[in-house]
């Protein structure tokens, strides 16, 4: 049996753009609106799973209460940790760390931000979490509330993209995508 995994990216955060990673920013009012609009007339879901960071978890808790659904927080579905780049914008990094930023954008698997989490480890963490979801909830429809990096990784896998194209996958704030997760772990985008 397959798992239908709908994925919702958190909305805009109070501290704005840039590499938020492990920083625990709250949503802005616009961010709340983006997420509420994305799930309107969607579903039905059997359960919700969320990153524990508040930009995801607070919305998951609100939606779970509205829909009377269980919600699970899973730290393995958190964003990539960007190390010393956390909280910085690409523009700021172009001023201070342009060469390394270029290496990261060219192939995020072969360059790790200073003191950051290697993308290969991030990938293993996220794919392992999705495999556990598939094993536990096969046959169900689950809404995953998470981050741009998590969603880019899963969409790139589903689309069969080379690893160097990971950061080319577009995932806007409040974006909703659907995947099917087969028992053998194969991901397919549901359009």
C-alpha atoms as a PDB file:
ATOM      1  CA  UNK A   1       0.000   0.000   0.000  1.00  0.00           C
ATOM      2  CA  UNK A   2       1.093   3.521  -0.668  1.00  0.00           C
ATOM      3  CA  UNK A   3       1.058   6.532   1.602  1.00  0.00           C
ATOM      4  CA  UNK A   4      -0.307   9.777   0.218  1.00  0.00           C
ATOM      5  CA  UNK A   5       1.905  12.482   1.648  1.00  0.00           C
ATOM      6  CA  UNK A   6       0.680  16.032   1.179  1.00  0.00           C
ATOM      7  CA  UNK A   7       3.422  18.523   2.047  1.00  0.00           C
ATOM      8  CA  UNK A   8       2.826  22.087   3.192  1.00  0.00           C
ATOM      9  CA  UNK A   9       5.646  24.575   3.602  1.00  0.00           C
ATOM     10  CA  UNK A  10       5.375  27.015   6.472  1.00  0.00           C
ATOM     11  CA  UNK A  11       4.436  30.587   5.651  1.00  0.00           C
ATOM     12  CA  UNK A  12       6.405  33.809   5.958  1.00  0.00           C
ATOM     13  CA  UNK A  13       8.285  34.228   9.246  1.00  0.00           C
ATOM     14  CA  UNK A  14       8.852  37.240  11.487  1.00  0.00           C
ATOM     15  CA  UNK A  15      12.572  37.475  10.857  1.00  0.00           C
ATOM     16  CA  UNK A  16      12.116  37.299   7.108  1.00  0.00           C
ATOM     17  CA  UNK A  17      13.979  35.465   4.406  1.00  0.00           C
ATOM     18  CA  UNK A  18      17.429  34.053   4.326  1.00  0.00           C
ATOM     19  CA  UNK A  19      18.661  30.737   5.626  1.00  0.00           C
ATOM     20  CA  UNK A  20      16.426  30.122   8.638  1.00  0.00           C
ATOM     21  CA  UNK A  21      17.494  26.499   9.208  1.00  0.00           C
ATOM     22  CA  UNK A  22      17.241  25.612  12.896  1.00  0.00           C
ATOM     23  CA  UNK A  23      16.234  29.128  13.962  1.00  0.00           C
ATOM     24  CA  UNK A  24      12.809  29.009  15.581  1.00  0.00           C
ATOM     25  CA  UNK A  25      11.044  32.018  14.060  1.00  0.00           C
ATOM     26  CA  UNK A  26       7.336  32.620  14.514  1.00  0.00           C
ATOM     27  CA  UNK A  27       4.963  33.121  11.594  1.00  0.00           C
ATOM     28  CA  UNK A  28       3.810  36.591  10.584  1.00  0.00           C
ATOM     29  CA  UNK A  29       0.104  37.206  10.107  1.00  0.00           C
ATOM     30  CA  UNK A  30       0.736  36.879   6.372  1.00  0.00           C
ATOM     31  CA  UNK A  31       2.442  33.531   7.049  1.00  0.00           C
ATOM     32  CA  UNK A  32      -0.630  32.272   8.919  1.00  0.00           C
ATOM     33  CA  UNK A  33      -2.843  33.442   6.045  1.00  0.00           C
ATOM     34  CA  UNK A  34      -0.631  31.695   3.455  1.00  0.00           C
ATOM     35  CA  UNK A  35      -0.940  28.389   5.286  1.00  0.00           C
ATOM     36  CA  UNK A  36      -4.660  28.673   5.976  1.00  0.00           C
ATOM     37  CA  UNK A  37      -5.324  29.490   2.315  1.00  0.00           C
ATOM     38  CA  UNK A  38      -3.225  26.532   1.141  1.00  0.00           C
ATOM     39  CA  UNK A  39      -5.271  23.941   3.053  1.00  0.00           C
ATOM     40  CA  UNK A  40      -8.681  25.437   2.366  1.00  0.00           C
ATOM     41  CA  UNK A  41     -10.835  22.843   0.567  1.00  0.00           C
ATOM     42  CA  UNK A  42      -7.985  20.299   0.672  1.00  0.00           C
ATOM     43  CA  UNK A  43      -7.771  16.927   2.379  1.00  0.00           C
ATOM     44  CA  UNK A  44      -9.312  15.045   4.021  1.00  0.00           C
ATOM     45  CA  UNK A  45      -6.323  13.837   5.991  1.00  0.00           C
ATOM     46  CA  UNK A  46      -6.040  11.006   8.457  1.00  0.00           C
ATOM     47  CA  UNK A  47      -3.360  12.707  10.525  1.00  0.00           C
ATOM     48  CA  UNK A  48      -0.852  15.552  10.609  1.00  0.00           C
ATOM     49  CA  UNK A  49       2.922  15.323  11.031  1.00  0.00           C
ATOM     50  CA  UNK A  50       5.001  18.437  11.593  1.00  0.00           C
ATOM     51  CA  UNK A  51       8.467  19.749  12.199  1.00  0.00           C
ATOM     52  CA  UNK A  52       8.657  20.814  15.865  1.00  0.00           C
ATOM     53  CA  UNK A  53       9.841  24.328  14.941  1.00  0.00           C
ATOM     54  CA  UNK A  54       7.108  26.817  15.792  1.00  0.00           C
ATOM     55  CA  UNK A  55       6.706  28.122  12.227  1.00  0.00           C
ATOM     56  CA  UNK A  56       5.317  24.657  11.405  1.00  0.00           C
ATOM     57  CA  UNK A  57       4.106  23.234  14.723  1.00  0.00           C
ATOM     58  CA  UNK A  58       1.818  26.109  15.788  1.00  0.00           C
ATOM     59  CA  UNK A  59      -0.126  25.853  12.515  1.00  0.00           C
ATOM     60  CA  UNK A  60      -0.212  22.038  12.751  1.00  0.00           C
ATOM     61  CA  UNK A  61      -1.683  22.288  16.242  1.00  0.00           C
ATOM     62  CA  UNK A  62      -4.300  24.822  15.111  1.00  0.00           C
ATOM     63  CA  UNK A  63      -5.322  22.703  12.107  1.00  0.00           C
ATOM     64  CA  UNK A  64      -5.356  19.466  14.133  1.00  0.00           C
ATOM     65  CA  UNK A  65      -7.728  21.076  16.648  1.00  0.00           C
ATOM     66  CA  UNK A  66     -10.018  22.353  13.869  1.00  0.00           C
ATOM     67  CA  UNK A  67     -10.131  18.992  12.077  1.00  0.00           C
ATOM     68  CA  UNK A  68     -10.021  16.817  15.234  1.00  0.00           C
ATOM     69  CA  UNK A  69      -6.964  14.951  13.954  1.00  0.00           C
ATOM     70  CA  UNK A  70      -3.888  13.616  15.704  1.00  0.00           C
ATOM     71  CA  UNK A  71      -0.656  15.557  15.200  1.00  0.00           C
ATOM     72  CA  UNK A  72       2.869  14.232  15.661  1.00  0.00           C
ATOM     73  CA  UNK A  73       5.975  16.408  15.869  1.00  0.00           C
ATOM     74  CA  UNK A  74       9.040  14.810  14.267  1.00  0.00           C
ATOM     75  CA  UNK A  75      12.445  16.475  14.720  1.00  0.00           C
ATOM     76  CA  UNK A  76      13.803  14.477  11.767  1.00  0.00           C
ATOM     77  CA  UNK A  77      11.601  16.596   9.486  1.00  0.00           C
ATOM     78  CA  UNK A  78      13.251  19.871  10.510  1.00  0.00           C
ATOM     79  CA  UNK A  79      15.081  22.066   8.047  1.00  0.00           C
ATOM     80  CA  UNK A  80      18.752  21.656   7.170  1.00  0.00           C
ATOM     81  CA  UNK A  81      21.008  23.233   9.796  1.00  0.00           C
ATOM     82  CA  UNK A  82      23.069  25.903   8.013  1.00  0.00           C
ATOM     83  CA  UNK A  83      25.701  26.345  10.734  1.00  0.00           C
ATOM     84  CA  UNK A  84      27.307  29.797  10.698  1.00  0.00           C
ATOM     85  CA  UNK A  85      25.118  30.766   7.747  1.00  0.00           C
ATOM     86  CA  UNK A  86      21.928  30.531   9.830  1.00  0.00           C
ATOM     87  CA  UNK A  87      19.881  33.700   9.687  1.00  0.00           C
ATOM     88  CA  UNK A  88      21.869  35.212   6.824  1.00  0.00           C
ATOM     89  CA  UNK A  89      20.508  36.109   3.413  1.00  0.00           C
ATOM     90  CA  UNK A  90      22.117  35.033   0.161  1.00  0.00           C
ATOM     91  CA  UNK A  91      22.853  38.718  -0.537  1.00  0.00           C
ATOM     92  CA  UNK A  92      24.758  39.083   2.744  1.00  0.00           C
ATOM     93  CA  UNK A  93      26.666  35.857   2.096  1.00  0.00           C
ATOM     94  CA  UNK A  94      27.613  37.134  -1.368  1.00  0.00           C
ATOM     95  CA  UNK A  95      29.381  39.984   0.413  1.00  0.00           C
ATOM     96  CA  UNK A  96      31.266  37.802   2.902  1.00  0.00           C
ATOM     97  CA  UNK A  97      31.375  34.238   1.561  1.00  0.00           C
ATOM     98  CA  UNK A  98      30.616  34.372  -2.184  1.00  0.00           C
ATOM     99  CA  UNK A  99      32.926  31.548  -3.252  1.00  0.00           C
ATOM    100  CA  UNK A 100      31.596  29.073  -0.695  1.00  0.00           C
ATOM    101  CA  UNK A 101      27.999  30.080  -1.349  1.00  0.00           C
ATOM    102  CA  UNK A 102      28.584  29.442  -5.054  1.00  0.00           C
ATOM    103  CA  UNK A 103      29.994  26.002  -4.268  1.00  0.00           C
ATOM    104  CA  UNK A 104      26.946  25.214  -2.105  1.00  0.00           C
ATOM    105  CA  UNK A 105      24.491  26.350  -4.808  1.00  0.00           C
ATOM    106  CA  UNK A 106      26.366  24.400  -7.512  1.00  0.00           C
ATOM    107  CA  UNK A 107      26.223  21.108  -5.580  1.00  0.00           C
ATOM    108  CA  UNK A 108      24.866  21.221  -2.035  1.00  0.00           C
ATOM    109  CA  UNK A 109      25.921  17.602  -1.483  1.00  0.00           C
ATOM    110  CA  UNK A 110      29.586  18.364  -2.048  1.00  0.00           C
ATOM    111  CA  UNK A 111      29.873  21.544   0.060  1.00  0.00           C
ATOM    112  CA  UNK A 112      28.675  21.988   3.649  1.00  0.00           C
ATOM    113  CA  UNK A 113      28.185  25.472   5.107  1.00  0.00           C
ATOM    114  CA  UNK A 114      30.681  26.180   7.936  1.00  0.00           C
ATOM    115  CA  UNK A 115      29.597  24.218  11.040  1.00  0.00           C
ATOM    116  CA  UNK A 116      26.478  23.133   9.145  1.00  0.00           C
ATOM    117  CA  UNK A 117      24.768  19.812   8.554  1.00  0.00           C
ATOM    118  CA  UNK A 118      26.004  17.931   5.480  1.00  0.00           C
ATOM    119  CA  UNK A 119      23.206  17.605   2.918  1.00  0.00           C
ATOM    120  CA  UNK A 120      23.885  13.854   2.642  1.00  0.00           C
ATOM    121  CA  UNK A 121      23.119  13.500   6.376  1.00  0.00           C
ATOM    122  CA  UNK A 122      20.072  15.757   6.046  1.00  0.00           C
ATOM    123  CA  UNK A 123      18.863  13.615   3.138  1.00  0.00           C
ATOM    124  CA  UNK A 124      19.330  10.381   5.098  1.00  0.00           C
ATOM    125  CA  UNK A 125      17.505  11.889   8.105  1.00  0.00           C
ATOM    126  CA  UNK A 126      14.512  13.066   6.059  1.00  0.00           C
ATOM    127  CA  UNK A 127      14.223   9.942   3.888  1.00  0.00           C
ATOM    128  CA  UNK A 128      14.414   7.731   6.978  1.00  0.00           C
ATOM    129  CA  UNK A 129      11.588   9.740   8.586  1.00  0.00           C
ATOM    130  CA  UNK A 130       9.450   9.367   5.439  1.00  0.00           C
ATOM    131  CA  UNK A 131      10.148   5.618   5.372  1.00  0.00           C
ATOM    132  CA  UNK A 132       8.908   5.397   8.978  1.00  0.00           C
ATOM    133  CA  UNK A 133       5.767   7.339   8.018  1.00  0.00           C
ATOM    134  CA  UNK A 134       5.164   4.973   5.107  1.00  0.00           C
ATOM    135  CA  UNK A 135       5.561   1.904   7.326  1.00  0.00           C
ATOM    136  CA  UNK A 136       3.262   3.299  10.024  1.00  0.00           C
ATOM    137  CA  UNK A 137       0.561   4.919   7.878  1.00  0.00           C
ATOM    138  CA  UNK A 138       0.431   3.065   4.535  1.00  0.00           C
ATOM    139  CA  UNK A 139      -3.017   3.458   3.028  1.00  0.00           C
ATOM    140  CA  UNK A 140      -3.576   6.803   4.754  1.00  0.00           C
ATOM    141  CA  UNK A 141      -3.385  10.413   3.633  1.00  0.00           C
ATOM    142  CA  UNK A 142      -1.017  12.439   5.814  1.00  0.00           C
ATOM    143  CA  UNK A 143      -0.349  16.171   5.797  1.00  0.00           C
ATOM    144  CA  UNK A 144       3.311  16.961   6.499  1.00  0.00           C
ATOM    145  CA  UNK A 145       3.933  20.543   7.626  1.00  0.00           C
ATOM    146  CA  UNK A 146       7.582  21.292   7.103  1.00  0.00           C
ATOM    147  CA  UNK A 147      10.258  23.410   5.446  1.00  0.00           C
ATOM    148  CA  UNK A 148      11.470  24.364   1.996  1.00  0.00           C
ATOM    149  CA  UNK A 149      14.596  22.195   2.207  1.00  0.00           C
ATOM    150  CA  UNK A 150      12.657  19.089   3.262  1.00  0.00           C
ATOM    151  CA  UNK A 151      10.152  19.596   0.463  1.00  0.00           C
ATOM    152  CA  UNK A 152      12.851  20.349  -2.145  1.00  0.00           C
ATOM    153  CA  UNK A 153      14.629  17.134  -1.203  1.00  0.00           C
ATOM    154  CA  UNK A 154      11.481  14.994  -1.484  1.00  0.00           C
ATOM    155  CA  UNK A 155      10.304  16.651  -4.699  1.00  0.00           C
ATOM    156  CA  UNK A 156      13.762  16.302  -6.286  1.00  0.00           C
ATOM    157  CA  UNK A 157      13.710  12.588  -5.416  1.00  0.00           C
ATOM    158  CA  UNK A 158      10.190  12.166  -6.817  1.00  0.00           C
ATOM    159  CA  UNK A 159      11.114  14.025 -10.014  1.00  0.00           C
ATOM    160  CA  UNK A 160      14.318  12.026 -10.487  1.00  0.00           C
ATOM    161  CA  UNK A 161      16.497  15.144 -10.539  1.00  0.00           C
ATOM    162  CA  UNK A 162      20.287  14.922 -10.240  1.00  0.00           C
ATOM    163  CA  UNK A 163      21.510  15.911  -6.801  1.00  0.00           C
ATOM    164  CA  UNK A 164      23.110  19.107  -8.130  1.00  0.00           C
ATOM    165  CA  UNK A 165      19.624  20.395  -9.010  1.00  0.00           C
ATOM    166  CA  UNK A 166      18.241  20.126  -5.468  1.00  0.00           C
ATOM    167  CA  UNK A 167      18.237  23.874  -4.892  1.00  0.00           C
ATOM    168  CA  UNK A 168      16.543  24.530  -8.255  1.00  0.00           C
ATOM    169  CA  UNK A 169      13.244  23.098  -6.969  1.00  0.00           C
ATOM    170  CA  UNK A 170      10.867  25.985  -6.260  1.00  0.00           C
ATOM    171  CA  UNK A 171       8.860  25.801  -3.023  1.00  0.00           C
ATOM    172  CA  UNK A 172       7.151  29.056  -2.027  1.00  0.00           C
ATOM    173  CA  UNK A 173       5.910  29.912   1.452  1.00  0.00           C
ATOM    174  CA  UNK A 174       2.566  28.196   1.976  1.00  0.00           C
ATOM    175  CA  UNK A 175       3.075  25.880  -1.038  1.00  0.00           C
ATOM    176  CA  UNK A 176       1.256  22.539  -1.025  1.00  0.00           C
ATOM    177  CA  UNK A 177       2.507  19.504  -2.981  1.00  0.00           C
ATOM    178  CA  UNK A 178       1.457  15.845  -2.969  1.00  0.00           C
ATOM    179  CA  UNK A 179       3.535  12.690  -3.187  1.00  0.00           C
ATOM    180  CA  UNK A 180       2.771   9.010  -3.116  1.00  0.00           C
ATOM    181  CA  UNK A 181       5.227   6.940  -1.116  1.00  0.00           C
ATOM    182  CA  UNK A 182       5.328   3.278  -2.169  1.00  0.00           C
ATOM    183  CA  UNK A 183       6.185   0.454   0.208  1.00  0.00           C
ATOM    184  CA  UNK A 184       9.616   0.184  -1.454  1.00  0.00           C
ATOM    185  CA  UNK A 185      10.267   3.890  -0.710  1.00  0.00           C
ATOM    186  CA  UNK A 186       9.759   5.137  -4.276  1.00  0.00           C
ATOM    187  CA  UNK A 187       8.407   8.695  -4.282  1.00  0.00           C
ATOM    188  CA  UNK A 188       6.119   9.965  -7.026  1.00  0.00           C
ATOM    189  CA  UNK A 189       4.688  13.452  -7.355  1.00  0.00           C
ATOM    190  CA  UNK A 190       0.902  13.527  -7.545  1.00  0.00           C
ATOM    191  CA  UNK A 191      -0.227  16.346  -9.814  1.00  0.00           C
END
